[in-house]
PDB file of N, CA and C in Angstrom:
ATOM      1  N   MET A   1       0.817  -1.188   0.000  1.00  0.00           N
ATOM      2  CA  MET A   1       0.000   0.000   0.000  1.00  0.00           C
ATOM      3  C   MET A   1       0.863   1.255   0.000  1.00  0.00           C
ATOM      4  N   SER A   2       1.961   1.236   0.769  1.00  0.00           N
ATOM      5  CA  SER A   2       2.821   2.416   0.825  1.00  0.00           C
ATOM      6  C   SER A   2       3.519   2.651  -0.515  1.00  0.00           C
ATOM      7  N   ARG A   3       3.747   1.581  -1.257  1.00  0.00           N
ATOM      8  CA  ARG A   3       4.365   1.728  -2.582  1.00  0.00           C
ATOM      9  C   ARG A   3       3.411   2.453  -3.528  1.00  0.00           C
ATOM     10  N   ILE A   4       2.139   2.111  -3.507  1.00  0.00           N
ATOM     11  CA  ILE A   4       1.134   2.781  -4.330  1.00  0.00           C
ATOM     12  C   ILE A   4       1.022   4.246  -3.926  1.00  0.00           C
ATOM     13  N   LEU A   5       1.032   4.496  -2.641  1.00  0.00           N
ATOM     14  CA  LEU A   5       0.959   5.868  -2.146  1.00  0.00           C
ATOM     15  C   LEU A   5       2.173   6.672  -2.611  1.00  0.00           C
ATOM     16  N   SER A   6       3.345   6.044  -2.599  1.00  0.00           N
ATOM     17  CA  SER A   6       4.561   6.720  -3.065  1.00  0.00           C
ATOM     18  C   SER A   6       4.446   7.099  -4.533  1.00  0.00           C
ATOM     19  N   VAL A   7       3.915   6.191  -5.339  1.00  0.00           N
ATOM     20  CA  VAL A   7       3.731   6.468  -6.764  1.00  0.00           C
ATOM     21  C   VAL A   7       2.710   7.577  -6.961  1.00  0.00           C
ATOM     22  N   LEU A   8       1.619   7.524  -6.199  1.00  0.00           N
ATOM     23  CA  LEU A   8       0.587   8.554  -6.324  1.00  0.00           C
ATOM     24  C   LEU A   8       1.104   9.935  -5.937  1.00  0.00           C
ATOM     25  N   ILE A   9       2.069   9.989  -5.080  1.00  0.00           N
ATOM     26  CA  ILE A   9       2.669  11.272  -4.701  1.00  0.00           C
ATOM     27  C   ILE A   9       3.765  11.668  -5.691  1.00  0.00           C
ATOM     28  N   ALA A  10       4.563  10.711  -6.136  1.00  0.00           N
ATOM     29  CA  ALA A  10       5.701  11.007  -7.002  1.00  0.00           C
ATOM     30  C   ALA A  10       5.279  11.468  -8.394  1.00  0.00           C
ATOM     31  N   VAL A  11       4.252  10.862  -8.957  1.00  0.00           N
ATOM     32  CA  VAL A  11       3.838  11.208 -10.319  1.00  0.00           C
ATOM     33  C   VAL A  11       3.383  12.663 -10.420  1.00  0.00           C
ATOM     34  N   PRO A  12       2.482  13.144  -9.565  1.00  0.00           N
ATOM     35  CA  PRO A  12       2.105  14.567  -9.662  1.00  0.00           C
ATOM     36  C   PRO A  12       3.286  15.508  -9.445  1.00  0.00           C
ATOM     37  N   LEU A  13       4.196  15.140  -8.542  1.00  0.00           N
ATOM     38  CA  LEU A  13       5.373  15.982  -8.321  1.00  0.00           C
ATOM     39  C   LEU A  13       6.249  16.029  -9.565  1.00  0.00           C
ATOM     40  N   ALA A  14       6.393  14.901 -10.236  1.00  0.00           N
ATOM     41  CA  ALA A  14       7.176  14.873 -11.472  1.00  0.00           C
ATOM     42  C   ALA A  14       6.509  15.714 -12.553  1.00  0.00           C
ATOM     43  N   LEU A  15       5.191  15.652 -12.630  1.00  0.00           N
ATOM     44  CA  LEU A  15       4.468  16.437 -13.630  1.00  0.00           C
ATOM     45  C   LEU A  15       4.597  17.932 -13.376  1.00  0.00           C
ATOM     46  N   LEU A  16       4.699  18.320 -12.125  1.00  0.00           N
ATOM     47  CA  LEU A  16       4.886  19.735 -11.806  1.00  0.00           C
ATOM     48  C   LEU A  16       6.214  20.260 -12.334  1.00  0.00           C
ATOM     49  N   ALA A  17       7.178  19.386 -12.501  1.00  0.00           N
ATOM     50  CA  ALA A  17       8.486  19.806 -12.995  1.00  0.00           C
ATOM     51  C   ALA A  17       8.501  20.003 -14.504  1.00  0.00           C
ATOM     52  N   LEU A  18       7.529  19.484 -15.224  1.00  0.00           N
ATOM     53  CA  LEU A  18       7.549  19.562 -16.681  1.00  0.00           C
ATOM     54  C   LEU A  18       7.327  20.957 -17.256  1.00  0.00           C
ATOM     55  N   PRO A  19       6.359  21.729 -16.826  1.00  0.00           N
ATOM     56  CA  PRO A  19       6.145  23.030 -17.466  1.00  0.00           C
ATOM     57  C   PRO A  19       7.369  23.933 -17.502  1.00  0.00           C
ATOM     58  N   PRO A  20       8.159  24.084 -16.427  1.00  0.00           N
ATOM     59  CA  PRO A  20       9.349  24.919 -16.541  1.00  0.00           C
ATOM     60  C   PRO A  20      10.335  24.394 -17.577  1.00  0.00           C
ATOM     61  N   ALA A  21      10.469  23.079 -17.683  1.00  0.00           N
ATOM     62  CA  ALA A  21      11.367  22.520 -18.691  1.00  0.00           C
ATOM     63  C   ALA A  21      10.862  22.849 -20.082  1.00  0.00           C
ATOM     64  N   ALA A  22       9.564  22.727 -20.303  1.00  0.00           N
ATOM     65  CA  ALA A  22       8.995  23.066 -21.606  1.00  0.00           C
ATOM     66  C   ALA A  22       9.165  24.549 -21.882  1.00  0.00           C
ATOM     67  N   LEU A  23       8.984  25.373 -20.865  1.00  0.00           N
ATOM     68  CA  LEU A  23       9.163  26.808 -21.023  1.00  0.00           C
ATOM     69  C   LEU A  23      10.600  27.121 -21.391  1.00  0.00           C
ATOM     70  N   ALA A  24      11.541  26.446 -20.773  1.00  0.00           N
ATOM     71  CA  ALA A  24      12.950  26.683 -21.076  1.00  0.00           C
ATOM     72  C   ALA A  24      13.247  26.362 -22.531  1.00  0.00           C
ATOM     73  N   ASP A  25      12.697  25.267 -23.061  1.00  0.00           N
ATOM     74  CA  ASP A  25      12.889  24.936 -24.470  1.00  0.00           C
ATOM     75  C   ASP A  25      12.294  26.015 -25.356  1.00  0.00           C
ATOM     76  N   GLY A  26      11.108  26.500 -25.012  1.00  0.00           N
ATOM     77  CA  GLY A  26      10.471  27.552 -25.791  1.00  0.00           C
ATOM     78  C   GLY A  26      11.284  28.829 -25.786  1.00  0.00           C
ATOM     79  N   GLU A  27      11.880  29.150 -24.642  1.00  0.00           N
ATOM     80  CA  GLU A  27      12.726  30.335 -24.562  1.00  0.00           C
ATOM     81  C   GLU A  27      13.964  30.172 -25.429  1.00  0.00           C
ATOM     82  N   ARG A  28      14.544  28.979 -25.444  1.00  0.00           N
ATOM     83  CA  ARG A  28      15.716  28.745 -26.300  1.00  0.00           C
ATOM     84  C   ARG A  28      15.331  28.877 -27.762  1.00  0.00           C
ATOM     85  N   ASP A  29      14.172  28.339 -28.153  1.00  0.00           N
ATOM     86  CA  ASP A  29      13.703  28.472 -29.534  1.00  0.00           C
ATOM     87  C   ASP A  29      13.525  29.940 -29.889  1.00  0.00           C
ATOM     88  N   HIS A  30      12.942  30.693 -28.973  1.00  0.00           N
ATOM     89  CA  HIS A  30      12.720  32.116 -29.202  1.00  0.00           C
ATOM     90  C   HIS A  30      14.058  32.842 -29.358  1.00  0.00           C
ATOM     91  N   ASP A  31      15.019  32.484 -28.533  1.00  0.00           N
ATOM     92  CA  ASP A  31      16.345  33.100 -28.622  1.00  0.00           C
ATOM     93  C   ASP A  31      17.022  32.764 -29.946  1.00  0.00           C
ATOM     94  N   ARG A  32      16.876  31.522 -30.408  1.00  0.00           N
ATOM     95  CA  ARG A  32      17.465  31.124 -31.698  1.00  0.00           C
ATOM     96  C   ARG A  32      16.820  31.886 -32.846  1.00  0.00           C
ATOM     97  N   ALA A  33      15.508  32.046 -32.786  1.00  0.00           N
ATOM     98  CA  ALA A  33      14.805  32.788 -33.835  1.00  0.00           C
ATOM     99  C   ALA A  33      15.238  34.251 -33.837  1.00  0.00           C
ATOM    100  N   ARG A  34      15.361  34.840 -32.666  1.00  0.00           N
ATOM    101  CA  ARG A  34      15.797  36.239 -32.567  1.00  0.00           C
ATOM    102  C   ARG A  34      17.220  36.393 -33.115  1.00  0.00           C
ATOM    103  N   ALA A  35      18.099  35.446 -32.801  1.00  0.00           N
ATOM    104  CA  ALA A  35      19.474  35.492 -33.306  1.00  0.00           C
ATOM    105  C   ALA A  35      19.495  35.359 -34.825  1.00  0.00           C
ATOM    106  N   ALA A  36      18.626  34.511 -35.376  1.00  0.00           N
ATOM    107  CA  ALA A  36      18.545  34.350 -36.833  1.00  0.00           C
ATOM    108  C   ALA A  36      18.089  35.651 -37.494  1.00  0.00           C
ATOM    109  N   LEU A  37      17.165  36.348 -36.870  1.00  0.00           N
ATOM    110  CA  LEU A  37      16.703  37.635 -37.398  1.00  0.00           C
ATOM    111  C   LEU A  37      17.839  38.651 -37.373  1.00  0.00           C
ATOM    112  N   ARG A  38      18.550  38.742 -36.259  1.00  0.00           N
ATOM    113  CA  ARG A  38      19.674  39.689 -36.153  1.00  0.00           C
ATOM    114  C   ARG A  38      20.776  39.368 -37.158  1.00  0.00           C
ATOM    115  N   ALA A  39      20.984  38.078 -37.432  1.00  0.00           N
ATOM    116  CA  ALA A  39      22.033  37.657 -38.363  1.00  0.00           C
ATOM    117  C   ALA A  39      21.602  37.793 -39.821  1.00  0.00           C
ATOM    118  N   GLY A  40      20.352  38.167 -40.049  1.00  0.00           N
ATOM    119  CA  GLY A  40      19.871  38.310 -41.420  1.00  0.00           C
ATOM    120  C   GLY A  40      19.498  36.991 -42.073  1.00  0.00           C
ATOM    121  N   GLU A  41      19.353  35.939 -41.275  1.00  0.00           N
ATOM    122  CA  GLU A  41      18.992  34.628 -41.817  1.00  0.00           C
ATOM    123  C   GLU A  41      17.502  34.519 -42.102  1.00  0.00           C
ATOM    124  N   VAL A  42      16.698  35.361 -41.460  1.00  0.00           N
ATOM    125  CA  VAL A  42      15.248  35.348 -41.674  1.00  0.00           C
ATOM    126  C   VAL A  42      14.751  36.779 -41.833  1.00  0.00           C
ATOM    127  N   LEU A  43      13.671  36.921 -42.580  1.00  0.00           N
ATOM    128  CA  LEU A  43      13.002  38.211 -42.702  1.00  0.00           C
ATOM    129  C   LEU A  43      12.101  38.418 -41.493  1.00  0.00           C
ATOM    130  N   PRO A  44      11.846  39.666 -41.138  1.00  0.00           N
ATOM    131  CA  PRO A  44      10.899  39.921 -40.046  1.00  0.00           C
ATOM    132  C   PRO A  44       9.513  39.398 -40.405  1.00  0.00           C
ATOM    133  N   LEU A  45       8.769  39.004 -39.400  1.00  0.00           N
ATOM    134  CA  LEU A  45       7.421  38.482 -39.625  1.00  0.00           C
ATOM    135  C   LEU A  45       6.555  39.495 -40.356  1.00  0.00           C
ATOM    136  N   SER A  46       6.693  40.775 -40.046  1.00  0.00           N
ATOM    137  CA  SER A  46       5.877  41.797 -40.713  1.00  0.00           C
ATOM    138  C   SER A  46       6.113  41.788 -42.219  1.00  0.00           C
ATOM    139  N   THR A  47       7.348  41.593 -42.643  1.00  0.00           N
ATOM    140  CA  THR A  47       7.669  41.523 -44.074  1.00  0.00           C
ATOM    141  C   THR A  47       7.044  40.286 -44.702  1.00  0.00           C
ATOM    142  N   ILE A  48       7.147  39.157 -44.014  1.00  0.00           N
ATOM    143  CA  ILE A  48       6.557  37.912 -44.517  1.00  0.00           C
ATOM    144  C   ILE A  48       5.051  38.081 -44.681  1.00  0.00           C
ATOM    145  N   LEU A  49       4.387  38.653 -43.684  1.00  0.00           N
ATOM    146  CA  LEU A  49       2.931  38.819 -43.748  1.00  0.00           C
ATOM    147  C   LEU A  49       2.519  39.752 -44.878  1.00  0.00           C
ATOM    148  N   GLU A  50       3.296  40.810 -45.130  1.00  0.00           N
ATOM    149  CA  GLU A  50       2.998  41.710 -46.248  1.00  0.00           C
ATOM    150  C   GLU A  50       3.094  40.968 -47.575  1.00  0.00           C
ATOM    151  N   ARG A  51       4.141  40.175 -47.747  1.00  0.00           N
ATOM    152  CA  ARG A  51       4.329  39.435 -49.004  1.00  0.00           C
ATOM    153  C   ARG A  51       3.238  38.383 -49.199  1.00  0.00           C
ATOM    154  N   VAL A  52       2.894  37.700 -48.134  1.00  0.00           N
ATOM    155  CA  VAL A  52       1.843  36.683 -48.235  1.00  0.00           C
ATOM    156  C   VAL A  52       0.510  37.340 -48.576  1.00  0.00           C
ATOM    157  N   ALA A  53       0.219  38.493 -47.976  1.00  0.00           N
ATOM    158  CA  ALA A  53      -1.048  39.190 -48.224  1.00  0.00           C
ATOM    159  C   ALA A  53      -1.193  39.599 -49.685  1.00  0.00           C
ATOM    160  N   GLN A  54      -0.090  39.822 -50.383  1.00  0.00           N
ATOM    161  CA  GLN A  54      -0.136  40.165 -51.805  1.00  0.00           C
ATOM    162  C   GLN A  54      -0.547  38.971 -52.659  1.00  0.00           C
ATOM    163  N   GLN A  55      -0.311  37.766 -52.160  1.00  0.00           N
ATOM    164  CA  GLN A  55      -0.580  36.548 -52.926  1.00  0.00           C
ATOM    165  C   GLN A  55      -1.794  35.774 -52.437  1.00  0.00           C
ATOM    166  N   GLN A  56      -2.127  35.939 -51.161  1.00  0.00           N
ATOM    167  CA  GLN A  56      -3.117  35.067 -50.535  1.00  0.00           C
ATOM    168  C   GLN A  56      -3.971  35.869 -49.566  1.00  0.00           C
ATOM    169  N   SER A  57      -5.282  35.832 -49.754  1.00  0.00           N
ATOM    170  CA  SER A  57      -6.154  36.537 -48.812  1.00  0.00           C
ATOM    171  C   SER A  57      -6.450  35.633 -47.619  1.00  0.00           C
ATOM    172  N   GLY A  58      -6.836  36.243 -46.527  1.00  0.00           N
ATOM    173  CA  GLY A  58      -7.228  35.473 -45.355  1.00  0.00           C
ATOM    174  C   GLY A  58      -6.721  36.083 -44.071  1.00  0.00           C
ATOM    175  N   GLN A  59      -7.357  35.682 -42.994  1.00  0.00           N
ATOM    176  CA  GLN A  59      -6.984  36.131 -41.657  1.00  0.00           C
ATOM    177  C   GLN A  59      -5.951  35.162 -41.092  1.00  0.00           C
ATOM    178  N   VAL A  60      -4.851  35.692 -40.597  1.00  0.00           N
ATOM    179  CA  VAL A  60      -3.794  34.859 -40.031  1.00  0.00           C
ATOM    180  C   VAL A  60      -4.251  34.337 -38.673  1.00  0.00           C
ATOM    181  N   LEU A  61      -4.273  33.015 -38.543  1.00  0.00           N
ATOM    182  CA  LEU A  61      -4.675  32.382 -37.288  1.00  0.00           C
ATOM    183  C   LEU A  61      -3.479  31.976 -36.442  1.00  0.00           C
ATOM    184  N   GLU A  62      -2.413  31.558 -37.117  1.00  0.00           N
ATOM    185  CA  GLU A  62      -1.263  31.016 -36.387  1.00  0.00           C
ATOM    186  C   GLU A  62      -0.012  31.166 -37.229  1.00  0.00           C
ATOM    187  N   VAL A  63       1.105  31.440 -36.568  1.00  0.00           N
ATOM    188  CA  VAL A  63       2.401  31.530 -37.239  1.00  0.00           C
ATOM    189  C   VAL A  63       3.426  30.797 -36.386  1.00  0.00           C
ATOM    190  N   GLU A  64       4.243  29.998 -37.041  1.00  0.00           N
ATOM    191  CA  GLU A  64       5.360  29.329 -36.369  1.00  0.00           C
ATOM    192  C   GLU A  64       6.605  29.541 -37.213  1.00  0.00           C
ATOM    193  N   LEU A  65       7.734  29.659 -36.556  1.00  0.00           N
ATOM    194  CA  LEU A  65       9.023  29.724 -37.238  1.00  0.00           C
ATOM    195  C   LEU A  65       9.804  28.498 -36.808  1.00  0.00           C
ATOM    196  N   GLU A  66      10.162  27.676 -37.793  1.00  0.00           N
ATOM    197  CA  GLU A  66      10.853  26.426 -37.484  1.00  0.00           C
ATOM    198  C   GLU A  66      12.061  26.252 -38.379  1.00  0.00           C
ATOM    199  N   ARG A  67      12.995  25.487 -37.890  1.00  0.00           N
ATOM    200  CA  ARG A  67      14.181  25.128 -38.662  1.00  0.00           C
ATOM    201  C   ARG A  67      13.915  23.745 -39.238  1.00  0.00           C
ATOM    202  N   ASP A  68      13.949  23.627 -40.569  1.00  0.00           N
ATOM    203  CA  ASP A  68      13.632  22.368 -41.240  1.00  0.00           C
ATOM    204  C   ASP A  68      14.727  22.056 -42.246  1.00  0.00           C
ATOM    205  N   HIS A  69      15.475  21.009 -42.002  1.00  0.00           N
ATOM    206  CA  HIS A  69      16.566  20.589 -42.883  1.00  0.00           C
ATOM    207  C   HIS A  69      17.531  21.741 -43.163  1.00  0.00           C
ATOM    208  N   GLY A  70      17.890  22.471 -42.106  1.00  0.00           N
ATOM    209  CA  GLY A  70      18.854  23.550 -42.234  1.00  0.00           C
ATOM    210  C   GLY A  70      18.298  24.852 -42.773  1.00  0.00           C
ATOM    211  N   ARG A  71      17.000  24.910 -42.985  1.00  0.00           N
ATOM    212  CA  ARG A  71      16.378  26.112 -43.554  1.00  0.00           C
ATOM    213  C   ARG A  71      15.277  26.594 -42.625  1.00  0.00           C
ATOM    214  N   TRP A  72      15.218  27.913 -42.395  1.00  0.00           N
ATOM    215  CA  TRP A  72      14.161  28.506 -41.583  1.00  0.00           C
ATOM    216  C   TRP A  72      12.892  28.609 -42.408  1.00  0.00           C
ATOM    217  N   ILE A  73      11.786  28.147 -41.832  1.00  0.00           N
ATOM    218  CA  ILE A  73      10.489  28.129 -42.505  1.00  0.00           C
ATOM    219  C   ILE A  73       9.448  28.779 -41.597  1.00  0.00           C
ATOM    220  N   TYR A  74       8.701  29.743 -42.155  1.00  0.00           N
ATOM    221  CA  TYR A  74       7.519  30.250 -41.463  1.00  0.00           C
ATOM    222  C   TYR A  74       6.352  29.361 -41.873  1.00  0.00           C
ATOM    223  N   GLU A  75       5.615  28.850 -40.904  1.00  0.00           N
ATOM    224  CA  GLU A  75       4.400  28.087 -41.172  1.00  0.00           C
ATOM    225  C   GLU A  75       3.220  28.953 -40.754  1.00  0.00           C
ATOM    226  N   LEU A  76       2.330  29.234 -41.696  1.00  0.00           N
ATOM    227  CA  LEU A  76       1.186  30.102 -41.432  1.00  0.00           C
ATOM    228  C   LEU A  76      -0.105  29.351 -41.661  1.00  0.00           C
ATOM    229  N   LYS A  77      -1.096  29.617 -40.830  1.00  0.00           N
ATOM    230  CA  LYS A  77      -2.455  29.117 -41.033  1.00  0.00           C
ATOM    231  C   LYS A  77      -3.335  30.333 -41.265  1.00  0.00           C
ATOM    232  N   LEU A  78      -4.070  30.312 -42.379  1.00  0.00           N
ATOM    233  CA  LEU A  78      -4.953  31.414 -42.743  1.00  0.00           C
ATOM    234  C   LEU A  78      -6.384  30.918 -42.847  1.00  0.00           C
ATOM    235  N   LEU A  79      -7.316  31.747 -42.414  1.00  0.00           N
ATOM    236  CA  LEU A  79      -8.733  31.464 -42.580  1.00  0.00           C
ATOM    237  C   LEU A  79      -9.255  32.391 -43.661  1.00  0.00           C
ATOM    238  N   GLN A  80      -9.712  31.809 -44.767  1.00  0.00           N
ATOM    239  CA  GLN A  80     -10.222  32.605 -45.875  1.00  0.00           C
ATOM    240  C   GLN A  80     -11.666  33.002 -45.620  1.00  0.00           C
ATOM    241  N   GLY A  81     -12.137  33.992 -46.381  1.00  0.00           N
ATOM    242  CA  GLY A  81     -13.505  34.471 -46.244  1.00  0.00           C
ATOM    243  C   GLY A  81     -14.536  33.380 -46.457  1.00  0.00           C
ATOM    244  N   SER A  82     -14.206  32.393 -47.263  1.00  0.00           N
ATOM    245  CA  SER A  82     -15.117  31.284 -47.540  1.00  0.00           C
ATOM    246  C   SER A  82     -15.189  30.290 -46.384  1.00  0.00           C
ATOM    247  N   GLY A  83     -14.299  30.470 -45.407  1.00  0.00           N
ATOM    248  CA  GLY A  83     -14.234  29.527 -44.291  1.00  0.00           C
ATOM    249  C   GLY A  83     -13.172  28.460 -44.476  1.00  0.00           C
ATOM    250  N   ALA A  84     -12.515  28.460 -45.629  1.00  0.00           N
ATOM    251  CA  ALA A  84     -11.475  27.473 -45.901  1.00  0.00           C
ATOM    252  C   ALA A  84     -10.223  27.790 -45.088  1.00  0.00           C
ATOM    253  N   LEU A  85      -9.573  26.748 -44.610  1.00  0.00           N
ATOM    254  CA  LEU A  85      -8.319  26.882 -43.884  1.00  0.00           C
ATOM    255  C   LEU A  85      -7.176  26.601 -44.850  1.00  0.00           C
ATOM    256  N   VAL A  86      -6.220  27.510 -44.912  1.00  0.00           N
ATOM    257  CA  VAL A  86      -5.071  27.360 -45.798  1.00  0.00           C
ATOM    258  C   VAL A  86      -3.810  27.355 -44.947  1.00  0.00           C
ATOM    259  N   LYS A  87      -2.932  26.404 -45.231  1.00  0.00           N
ATOM    260  CA  LYS A  87      -1.648  26.324 -44.536  1.00  0.00           C
ATOM    261  C   LYS A  87      -0.546  26.624 -45.547  1.00  0.00           C
ATOM    262  N   LEU A  88       0.335  27.528 -45.170  1.00  0.00           N
ATOM    263  CA  LEU A  88       1.442  27.907 -46.041  1.00  0.00           C
ATOM    264  C   LEU A  88       2.766  27.629 -45.354  1.00  0.00           C
ATOM    265  N   GLU A  89       3.742  27.194 -46.146  1.00  0.00           N
ATOM    266  CA  GLU A  89       5.126  27.136 -45.696  1.00  0.00           C
ATOM    267  C   GLU A  89       5.866  28.175 -46.516  1.00  0.00           C
ATOM    268  N   VAL A  90       6.527  29.101 -45.831  1.00  0.00           N
ATOM    269  CA  VAL A  90       7.181  30.225 -46.489  1.00  0.00           C
ATOM    270  C   VAL A  90       8.658  30.226 -46.112  1.00  0.00           C
ATOM    271  N   ASP A  91       9.522  30.345 -47.123  1.00  0.00           N
ATOM    272  CA  ASP A  91      10.953  30.439 -46.874  1.00  0.00           C
ATOM    273  C   ASP A  91      11.215  31.720 -46.089  1.00  0.00           C
ATOM    274  N   ALA A  92      11.767  31.595 -44.903  1.00  0.00           N
ATOM    275  CA  ALA A  92      11.956  32.749 -44.025  1.00  0.00           C
ATOM    276  C   ALA A  92      13.062  33.679 -44.512  1.00  0.00           C
ATOM    277  N   ARG A  93      13.917  33.202 -45.388  1.00  0.00           N
ATOM    278  CA  ARG A  93      15.019  34.034 -45.883  1.00  0.00           C
ATOM    279  C   ARG A  93      14.561  34.993 -46.976  1.00  0.00           C
ATOM    280  N   ASP A  94      13.693  34.509 -47.883  1.00  0.00           N
ATOM    281  CA  ASP A  94      13.318  35.361 -49.021  1.00  0.00           C
ATOM    282  C   ASP A  94      11.813  35.572 -49.181  1.00  0.00           C
ATOM    283  N   GLY A  95      10.996  34.914 -48.375  1.00  0.00           N
ATOM    284  CA  GLY A  95       9.551  35.132 -48.426  1.00  0.00           C
ATOM    285  C   GLY A  95       8.806  34.337 -49.484  1.00  0.00           C
ATOM    286  N   ARG A  96       9.493  33.421 -50.169  1.00  0.00           N
ATOM    287  CA  ARG A  96       8.815  32.605 -51.186  1.00  0.00           C
ATOM    288  C   ARG A  96       7.895  31.586 -50.529  1.00  0.00           C
ATOM    289  N   VAL A  97       6.701  31.429 -51.096  1.00  0.00           N
ATOM    290  CA  VAL A  97       5.794  30.381 -50.625  1.00  0.00           C
ATOM    291  C   VAL A  97       6.308  29.063 -51.189  1.00  0.00           C
ATOM    292  N   LEU A  98       6.659  28.155 -50.294  1.00  0.00           N
ATOM    293  CA  LEU A  98       7.214  26.864 -50.696  1.00  0.00           C
ATOM    294  C   LEU A  98       6.138  25.804 -50.853  1.00  0.00           C
ATOM    295  N   ARG A  99       5.104  25.919 -50.037  1.00  0.00           N
ATOM    296  CA  ARG A  99       4.052  24.901 -50.052  1.00  0.00           C
ATOM    297  C   ARG A  99       2.747  25.535 -49.614  1.00  0.00           C
ATOM    298  N   ARG A 100       1.679  25.116 -50.273  1.00  0.00           N
ATOM    299  CA  ARG A 100       0.337  25.589 -49.924  1.00  0.00           C
ATOM    300  C   ARG A 100      -0.567  24.380 -49.806  1.00  0.00           C
ATOM    301  N   LYS A 101      -1.250  24.268 -48.680  1.00  0.00           N
ATOM    302  CA  LYS A 101      -2.223  23.199 -48.479  1.00  0.00           C
ATOM    303  C   LYS A 101      -3.493  23.854 -47.983  1.00  0.00           C
ATOM    304  N   GLY A 102      -4.619  23.401 -48.507  1.00  0.00           N
ATOM    305  CA  GLY A 102      -5.841  24.002 -48.001  1.00  0.00           C
ATOM    306  C   GLY A 102      -7.087  23.364 -48.542  1.00  0.00           C
ATOM    307  N   ASP A 103      -8.199  23.702 -47.881  1.00  0.00           N
ATOM    308  CA  ASP A 103      -9.510  23.231 -48.317  1.00  0.00           C
ATOM    309  C   ASP A 103      -9.771  23.726 -49.729  1.00  0.00           C
ATOM    310  N   GLY A 104     -10.192  22.842 -50.576  1.00  0.00           N
ATOM    311  CA  GLY A 104     -10.511  23.217 -51.946  1.00  0.00           C
ATOM    312  C   GLY A 104      -9.298  23.279 -52.848  1.00  0.00           C
ATOM    313  N   ASP A 105      -8.131  23.037 -52.312  1.00  0.00           N
ATOM    314  CA  ASP A 105      -6.912  23.051 -53.109  1.00  0.00           C
ATOM    315  C   ASP A 105      -6.694  21.641 -53.638  1.00  0.00           C
ATOM    316  N   ALA A 106      -6.811  21.484 -54.933  1.00  0.00           N
ATOM    317  CA  ALA A 106      -6.743  20.151 -55.529  1.00  0.00           C
ATOM    318  C   ALA A 106      -5.367  19.515 -55.366  1.00  0.00           C
ATOM    319  N   ALA A 107      -4.339  20.333 -55.393  1.00  0.00           N
ATOM    320  CA  ALA A 107      -2.993  19.772 -55.313  1.00  0.00           C
ATOM    321  C   ALA A 107      -2.157  20.559 -54.318  1.00  0.00           C
ATOM    322  N   ASN A 108      -1.368  19.835 -53.570  1.00  0.00           N
ATOM    323  CA  ASN A 108      -0.403  20.503 -52.696  1.00  0.00           C
ATOM    324  C   ASN A 108       0.780  20.869 -53.564  1.00  0.00           C
ATOM    325  N   ARG A 109       1.169  22.123 -53.497  1.00  0.00           N
ATOM    326  CA  ARG A 109       2.269  22.571 -54.334  1.00  0.00           C
ATOM    327  C   ARG A 109       3.498  22.779 -53.477  1.00  0.00           C
ATOM    328  N   ARG A 110       4.602  22.259 -53.940  1.00  0.00           N
ATOM    329  CA  ARG A 110       5.874  22.468 -53.246  1.00  0.00           C
ATOM    330  C   ARG A 110       6.853  23.018 -54.263  1.00  0.00           C
ATOM    331  N   ARG A 111       7.526  24.085 -53.879  1.00  0.00           N
ATOM    332  CA  ARG A 111       8.479  24.721 -54.796  1.00  0.00           C
ATOM    333  C   ARG A 111       9.866  24.616 -54.253  1.00  0.00           C
TER     334      ARG A 111
END
């Protein structure tokens, strides 16, 4: 019985330790993204959003900046006026749309 009680106490305590660790990873990601911006490896988000708005209408729901195979990629989710959800992958260095996926899009395009 005491072994079960120990587990019941230990598991919640271990779970309490997880959020700060996750936060620390998020802070490191944020620091890496900021360093990439300062180094000129990525365009500012405002520039990316302006370029995307020229090509694609919709309300921006979510933006992520990720490193994928050595290249910085902005991932955007847009909600179009029709209600369709569009996902874009944009090269963070030059603003080119690399991939578009969305409702009503017959083909996923990758450039």
